């Protein structure tokens, strides 16, 4: 579809305004109820806190820096810890560069997950509000309609129900 297909001169602005003037004025109660409903579904400001299930991942998103070196070996442990520290000190710029894109990816993924979580939370809240509104309207409708009388059974009271006729077996054979 092209943009020219979407732009139209018919109806004119004057015709639309004239049609709007002919519309009846809505009742103030209904206007207020609609405003309350729209205000209830508006998105609220997102909280600055991260969702609990993402908090641990957020703390580990920077893969360039490891925990302080340690060793469980009693005799050679201190020498290994010193060697690990020396290695990290000497090669940290190379480690940072090698893992830079991984850190950017981790941050982007965490931001996307937080956004998805927030979107699902808002959608669930909105859906809950709409469900409550539909249930309220349904209750109003059912309270206005008188209960339907029970339908009389088509069979006479003394006669047993007849079974529907059975189909004759097919004479066609499978090939």
C-alpha atoms as a PDB file:
ATOM      1  CA  UNK A   1       0.000   0.000   0.000  1.00  0.00           C
ATOM      2  CA  UNK A   2       1.271   3.449  -0.830  1.00  0.00           C
ATOM      3  CA  UNK A   3       0.939   6.609   1.238  1.00  0.00           C
ATOM      4  CA  UNK A   4      -1.223   8.195  -1.477  1.00  0.00           C
ATOM      5  CA  UNK A   5      -3.781   5.433  -0.944  1.00  0.00           C
ATOM      6  CA  UNK A   6      -4.107   6.337   2.725  1.00  0.00           C
ATOM      7  CA  UNK A   7      -4.609  10.077   2.231  1.00  0.00           C
ATOM      8  CA  UNK A   8      -8.147  11.060   1.324  1.00  0.00           C
ATOM      9  CA  UNK A   9     -10.111  14.268   0.858  1.00  0.00           C
ATOM     10  CA  UNK A  10     -13.461  12.602   1.396  1.00  0.00           C
ATOM     11  CA  UNK A  11     -15.097  13.338   3.803  1.00  0.00           C
ATOM     12  CA  UNK A  12     -14.018  16.913   4.252  1.00  0.00           C
ATOM     13  CA  UNK A  13     -13.166  18.395   7.619  1.00  0.00           C
ATOM     14  CA  UNK A  14     -16.324  20.485   7.503  1.00  0.00           C
ATOM     15  CA  UNK A  15     -18.466  17.371   6.943  1.00  0.00           C
ATOM     16  CA  UNK A  16     -16.855  15.608   9.896  1.00  0.00           C
ATOM     17  CA  UNK A  17     -17.389  18.654  12.148  1.00  0.00           C
ATOM     18  CA  UNK A  18     -21.013  18.882  11.037  1.00  0.00           C
ATOM     19  CA  UNK A  19     -21.523  15.192  11.869  1.00  0.00           C
ATOM     20  CA  UNK A  20     -19.938  15.713  15.290  1.00  0.00           C
ATOM     21  CA  UNK A  21     -22.290  18.599  16.046  1.00  0.00           C
ATOM     22  CA  UNK A  22     -25.292  16.358  15.311  1.00  0.00           C
ATOM     23  CA  UNK A  23     -24.209  13.782  17.889  1.00  0.00           C
ATOM     24  CA  UNK A  24     -26.139  13.886  21.161  1.00  0.00           C
ATOM     25  CA  UNK A  25     -24.346  15.085  24.267  1.00  0.00           C
ATOM     26  CA  UNK A  26     -23.396  12.116  26.456  1.00  0.00           C
ATOM     27  CA  UNK A  27     -24.605  11.892  30.007  1.00  0.00           C
ATOM     28  CA  UNK A  28     -22.115  13.341  32.536  1.00  0.00           C
ATOM     29  CA  UNK A  29     -22.133  10.105  34.585  1.00  0.00           C
ATOM     30  CA  UNK A  30     -21.103   8.059  31.558  1.00  0.00           C
ATOM     31  CA  UNK A  31     -18.367  10.529  30.641  1.00  0.00           C
ATOM     32  CA  UNK A  32     -17.005  10.384  34.183  1.00  0.00           C
ATOM     33  CA  UNK A  33     -17.175   6.573  34.241  1.00  0.00           C
ATOM     34  CA  UNK A  34     -15.240   6.421  30.972  1.00  0.00           C
ATOM     35  CA  UNK A  35     -12.610   8.827  32.318  1.00  0.00           C
ATOM     36  CA  UNK A  36     -12.184   6.722  35.467  1.00  0.00           C
ATOM     37  CA  UNK A  37     -11.851   3.549  33.397  1.00  0.00           C
ATOM     38  CA  UNK A  38      -9.225   5.115  31.128  1.00  0.00           C
ATOM     39  CA  UNK A  39      -7.312   6.534  34.090  1.00  0.00           C
ATOM     40  CA  UNK A  40      -7.270   3.101  35.726  1.00  0.00           C
ATOM     41  CA  UNK A  41      -5.713   1.509  32.641  1.00  0.00           C
ATOM     42  CA  UNK A  42      -3.034   4.129  32.138  1.00  0.00           C
ATOM     43  CA  UNK A  43       0.463   2.875  32.749  1.00  0.00           C
ATOM     44  CA  UNK A  44       2.003   3.936  35.991  1.00  0.00           C
ATOM     45  CA  UNK A  45       5.624   5.006  36.354  1.00  0.00           C
ATOM     46  CA  UNK A  46       7.889   2.011  36.466  1.00  0.00           C
ATOM     47  CA  UNK A  47       9.688   1.326  39.682  1.00  0.00           C
ATOM     48  CA  UNK A  48      13.446   1.748  39.769  1.00  0.00           C
ATOM     49  CA  UNK A  49      13.937  -1.593  41.491  1.00  0.00           C
ATOM     50  CA  UNK A  50      14.797  -4.579  39.367  1.00  0.00           C
ATOM     51  CA  UNK A  51      12.546  -7.637  39.504  1.00  0.00           C
ATOM     52  CA  UNK A  52      13.883 -10.107  42.081  1.00  0.00           C
ATOM     53  CA  UNK A  53      14.540 -12.839  39.514  1.00  0.00           C
ATOM     54  CA  UNK A  54      16.795 -10.471  37.511  1.00  0.00           C
ATOM     55  CA  UNK A  55      18.696  -9.010  40.453  1.00  0.00           C
ATOM     56  CA  UNK A  56      21.251 -11.841  40.599  1.00  0.00           C
ATOM     57  CA  UNK A  57      21.873 -11.687  36.861  1.00  0.00           C
ATOM     58  CA  UNK A  58      22.233  -7.899  37.002  1.00  0.00           C
ATOM     59  CA  UNK A  59      24.991  -8.227  39.573  1.00  0.00           C
ATOM     60  CA  UNK A  60      26.860 -10.701  37.338  1.00  0.00           C
ATOM     61  CA  UNK A  61      26.374  -8.930  33.989  1.00  0.00           C
ATOM     62  CA  UNK A  62      29.964  -7.642  33.793  1.00  0.00           C
ATOM     63  CA  UNK A  63      32.019 -10.692  32.886  1.00  0.00           C
ATOM     64  CA  UNK A  64      35.294  -8.746  32.727  1.00  0.00           C
ATOM     65  CA  UNK A  65      35.900  -8.832  36.444  1.00  0.00           C
ATOM     66  CA  UNK A  66      36.125 -12.075  38.387  1.00  0.00           C
ATOM     67  CA  UNK A  67      35.827 -12.710  42.082  1.00  0.00           C
ATOM     68  CA  UNK A  68      39.036 -12.273  44.093  1.00  0.00           C
ATOM     69  CA  UNK A  69      41.344 -15.243  43.507  1.00  0.00           C
ATOM     70  CA  UNK A  70      41.431 -17.965  46.126  1.00  0.00           C
ATOM     71  CA  UNK A  71      42.751 -21.469  46.511  1.00  0.00           C
ATOM     72  CA  UNK A  72      41.800 -24.433  48.643  1.00  0.00           C
ATOM     73  CA  UNK A  73      45.293 -25.979  48.570  1.00  0.00           C
ATOM     74  CA  UNK A  74      47.092 -25.632  51.903  1.00  0.00           C
ATOM     75  CA  UNK A  75      50.761 -25.575  50.777  1.00  0.00           C
ATOM     76  CA  UNK A  76      50.814 -24.151  47.267  1.00  0.00           C
ATOM     77  CA  UNK A  77      47.610 -22.096  47.668  1.00  0.00           C
ATOM     78  CA  UNK A  78      49.234 -18.741  48.513  1.00  0.00           C
ATOM     79  CA  UNK A  79      51.594 -19.077  45.510  1.00  0.00           C
ATOM     80  CA  UNK A  80      48.671 -19.866  43.202  1.00  0.00           C
ATOM     81  CA  UNK A  81      46.685 -16.886  44.492  1.00  0.00           C
ATOM     82  CA  UNK A  82      49.683 -14.607  43.890  1.00  0.00           C
ATOM     83  CA  UNK A  83      50.116 -16.021  40.350  1.00  0.00           C
ATOM     84  CA  UNK A  84      46.414 -15.478  39.610  1.00  0.00           C
ATOM     85  CA  UNK A  85      46.607 -11.886  40.824  1.00  0.00           C
ATOM     86  CA  UNK A  86      49.721 -11.216  38.737  1.00  0.00           C
ATOM     87  CA  UNK A  87      48.069 -12.740  35.643  1.00  0.00           C
ATOM     88  CA  UNK A  88      44.949 -10.605  36.134  1.00  0.00           C
ATOM     89  CA  UNK A  89      46.999  -7.450  36.694  1.00  0.00           C
ATOM     90  CA  UNK A  90      49.100  -8.019  33.573  1.00  0.00           C
ATOM     91  CA  UNK A  91      46.312  -9.109  31.211  1.00  0.00           C
ATOM     92  CA  UNK A  92      43.279  -7.152  32.486  1.00  0.00           C
ATOM     93  CA  UNK A  93      43.260  -4.707  29.489  1.00  0.00           C
ATOM     94  CA  UNK A  94      43.180  -7.659  27.067  1.00  0.00           C
ATOM     95  CA  UNK A  95      40.493  -9.411  29.092  1.00  0.00           C
ATOM     96  CA  UNK A  96      38.411  -6.234  29.107  1.00  0.00           C
ATOM     97  CA  UNK A  97      38.650  -5.876  25.335  1.00  0.00           C
ATOM     98  CA  UNK A  98      37.933  -9.541  24.681  1.00  0.00           C
ATOM     99  CA  UNK A  99      34.800  -9.482  26.860  1.00  0.00           C
ATOM    100  CA  UNK A 100      33.562  -5.957  25.997  1.00  0.00           C
ATOM    101  CA  UNK A 101      30.964  -7.131  23.471  1.00  0.00           C
ATOM    102  CA  UNK A 102      29.797  -9.880  25.815  1.00  0.00           C
ATOM    103  CA  UNK A 103      29.180  -7.279  28.539  1.00  0.00           C
ATOM    104  CA  UNK A 104      27.223  -5.091  26.090  1.00  0.00           C
ATOM    105  CA  UNK A 105      25.154  -8.109  25.064  1.00  0.00           C
ATOM    106  CA  UNK A 106      24.484  -9.047  28.704  1.00  0.00           C
ATOM    107  CA  UNK A 107      23.313  -5.512  29.490  1.00  0.00           C
ATOM    108  CA  UNK A 108      21.046  -5.421  26.424  1.00  0.00           C
ATOM    109  CA  UNK A 109      19.502  -8.782  27.301  1.00  0.00           C
ATOM    110  CA  UNK A 110      18.877  -7.742  30.904  1.00  0.00           C
ATOM    111  CA  UNK A 111      17.273  -4.485  29.781  1.00  0.00           C
ATOM    112  CA  UNK A 112      15.050  -6.397  27.345  1.00  0.00           C
ATOM    113  CA  UNK A 113      14.034  -8.896  30.040  1.00  0.00           C
ATOM    114  CA  UNK A 114      13.223  -6.085  32.464  1.00  0.00           C
ATOM    115  CA  UNK A 115      11.137  -4.371  29.776  1.00  0.00           C
ATOM    116  CA  UNK A 116       9.279  -7.598  28.961  1.00  0.00           C
ATOM    117  CA  UNK A 117       8.622  -8.182  32.661  1.00  0.00           C
ATOM    118  CA  UNK A 118       7.249  -4.659  33.069  1.00  0.00           C
ATOM    119  CA  UNK A 119       5.101  -5.011  29.947  1.00  0.00           C
ATOM    120  CA  UNK A 120       3.625  -8.292  31.192  1.00  0.00           C
ATOM    121  CA  UNK A 121       2.917  -6.754  34.588  1.00  0.00           C
ATOM    122  CA  UNK A 122       1.063  -3.822  33.012  1.00  0.00           C
ATOM    123  CA  UNK A 123      -0.845  -6.108  30.630  1.00  0.00           C
ATOM    124  CA  UNK A 124      -1.914  -8.376  33.494  1.00  0.00           C
ATOM    125  CA  UNK A 125      -3.090  -5.363  35.484  1.00  0.00           C
ATOM    126  CA  UNK A 126      -5.029  -3.974  32.523  1.00  0.00           C
ATOM    127  CA  UNK A 127      -6.549  -7.357  31.753  1.00  0.00           C
ATOM    128  CA  UNK A 128      -7.629  -7.721  35.365  1.00  0.00           C
ATOM    129  CA  UNK A 129      -9.310  -4.298  35.312  1.00  0.00           C
ATOM    130  CA  UNK A 130     -11.109  -5.077  32.056  1.00  0.00           C
ATOM    131  CA  UNK A 131     -12.218  -8.468  33.404  1.00  0.00           C
ATOM    132  CA  UNK A 132     -13.669  -6.772  36.476  1.00  0.00           C
ATOM    133  CA  UNK A 133     -15.463  -4.272  34.249  1.00  0.00           C
ATOM    134  CA  UNK A 134     -16.921  -7.011  32.029  1.00  0.00           C
ATOM    135  CA  UNK A 135     -18.056  -8.988  35.073  1.00  0.00           C
ATOM    136  CA  UNK A 136     -19.697  -5.865  36.514  1.00  0.00           C
ATOM    137  CA  UNK A 137     -21.512  -5.170  33.249  1.00  0.00           C
ATOM    138  CA  UNK A 138     -22.568  -8.816  32.954  1.00  0.00           C
ATOM    139  CA  UNK A 139     -23.947  -8.724  36.467  1.00  0.00           C
ATOM    140  CA  UNK A 140     -25.913  -5.574  35.612  1.00  0.00           C
ATOM    141  CA  UNK A 141     -27.329  -7.234  32.505  1.00  0.00           C
ATOM    142  CA  UNK A 142     -28.313 -10.402  34.318  1.00  0.00           C
ATOM    143  CA  UNK A 143     -29.995  -8.435  37.101  1.00  0.00           C
ATOM    144  CA  UNK A 144     -32.149  -6.576  34.525  1.00  0.00           C
ATOM    145  CA  UNK A 145     -33.315  -9.667  32.617  1.00  0.00           C
ATOM    146  CA  UNK A 146     -36.006 -11.749  34.325  1.00  0.00           C
ATOM    147  CA  UNK A 147     -35.170 -15.449  34.561  1.00  0.00           C
ATOM    148  CA  UNK A 148     -36.414 -17.439  31.580  1.00  0.00           C
ATOM    149  CA  UNK A 149     -39.165 -19.956  32.298  1.00  0.00           C
ATOM    150  CA  UNK A 150     -38.061 -23.571  31.993  1.00  0.00           C
ATOM    151  CA  UNK A 151     -38.699 -24.995  28.543  1.00  0.00           C
ATOM    152  CA  UNK A 152     -41.410 -27.674  28.411  1.00  0.00           C
ATOM    153  CA  UNK A 153     -40.149 -31.058  27.358  1.00  0.00           C
ATOM    154  CA  UNK A 154     -41.262 -32.042  23.834  1.00  0.00           C
ATOM    155  CA  UNK A 155     -42.186 -35.572  24.972  1.00  0.00           C
ATOM    156  CA  UNK A 156     -45.420 -36.426  26.659  1.00  0.00           C
ATOM    157  CA  UNK A 157     -44.979 -37.337  30.300  1.00  0.00           C
ATOM    158  CA  UNK A 158     -46.114 -40.961  29.997  1.00  0.00           C
ATOM    159  CA  UNK A 159     -44.221 -42.011  26.840  1.00  0.00           C
ATOM    160  CA  UNK A 160     -40.549 -43.029  26.796  1.00  0.00           C
ATOM    161  CA  UNK A 161     -38.162 -41.081  24.603  1.00  0.00           C
ATOM    162  CA  UNK A 162     -37.619 -42.512  21.145  1.00  0.00           C
ATOM    163  CA  UNK A 163     -34.125 -43.175  19.938  1.00  0.00           C
ATOM    164  CA  UNK A 164     -33.053 -41.470  16.720  1.00  0.00           C
ATOM    165  CA  UNK A 165     -33.026 -43.790  13.685  1.00  0.00           C
ATOM    166  CA  UNK A 166     -29.748 -45.580  13.116  1.00  0.00           C
ATOM    167  CA  UNK A 167     -27.827 -45.328   9.884  1.00  0.00           C
ATOM    168  CA  UNK A 168     -27.622 -48.383   7.746  1.00  0.00           C
ATOM    169  CA  UNK A 169     -24.111 -49.766   7.304  1.00  0.00           C
ATOM    170  CA  UNK A 170     -22.315 -48.505   4.232  1.00  0.00           C
ATOM    171  CA  UNK A 171     -22.010 -50.869   1.295  1.00  0.00           C
ATOM    172  CA  UNK A 172     -18.800 -49.297   0.037  1.00  0.00           C
ATOM    173  CA  UNK A 173     -15.634 -51.280   0.490  1.00  0.00           C
ATOM    174  CA  UNK A 174     -12.219 -49.793   1.060  1.00  0.00           C
ATOM    175  CA  UNK A 175      -9.745 -50.143  -1.785  1.00  0.00           C
END
